[in-house]
Amino acid sequence: MAVQLGQVLVEKGLLTQEQVSEILQTQKQTRRPFGALAEEMFDVAPEAVEQAWASQYAEIAEHVDPATEKLERSVLDLIDRRQAWQFRMLPMRQDGGEIRIATTPDHLLRAMRFALRHFGQACYFVLSKPDQLAKALNEHFPLPGMGVEAVLTNEPIYRAPQP
């Protein structure tokens, strides 16, 4: 069973168990999302709610090795090399009207934010080990100097040119 969003926020020290209970009571009455109520009732930062949601998603997401996945060139072509490495993501194929995308647990939130803005259609994410994702990115989006170290870090890949 997946961890509840409230439990993730308690583990991160952002809510107490009593606050979670209060949110759940309000949620029963209003049918509003837990995260929105946490933000409004207890000033939990929207970014913290997003991160907690990504942690929750990572627990239930399918784990794959991109090397064993069916890839569609038309879907790979939806992003360029810089985007693939910057967001540590590999769009793989259309699947039931959605784009299936691989990333790692550490890069899930950034990849999700980018996909929401960029693709203009529903996407779902599967997770990969950093070395497996790096190998697939090197194969389909080769970029000099990029490798598993780039996938292991959360540092930005792209830096603006210096004047």
Foldseek 3Di string as FASTA:
>chain_A
DFDDLVVLCVVVVNDPPVVQVVLVVVCVVVVDDSLVCCCVVPVDDNVSSLLSVLVRLQVPAAEDQVVPDAADPVQQVLDALLVCLQLVKGFGDQDPFETEMEHASVSRSVNVVCCVPRVPGHYDYHYYDLQSSQVVSCVSHNDPPGHSVSRVDPDGPDDDDDD
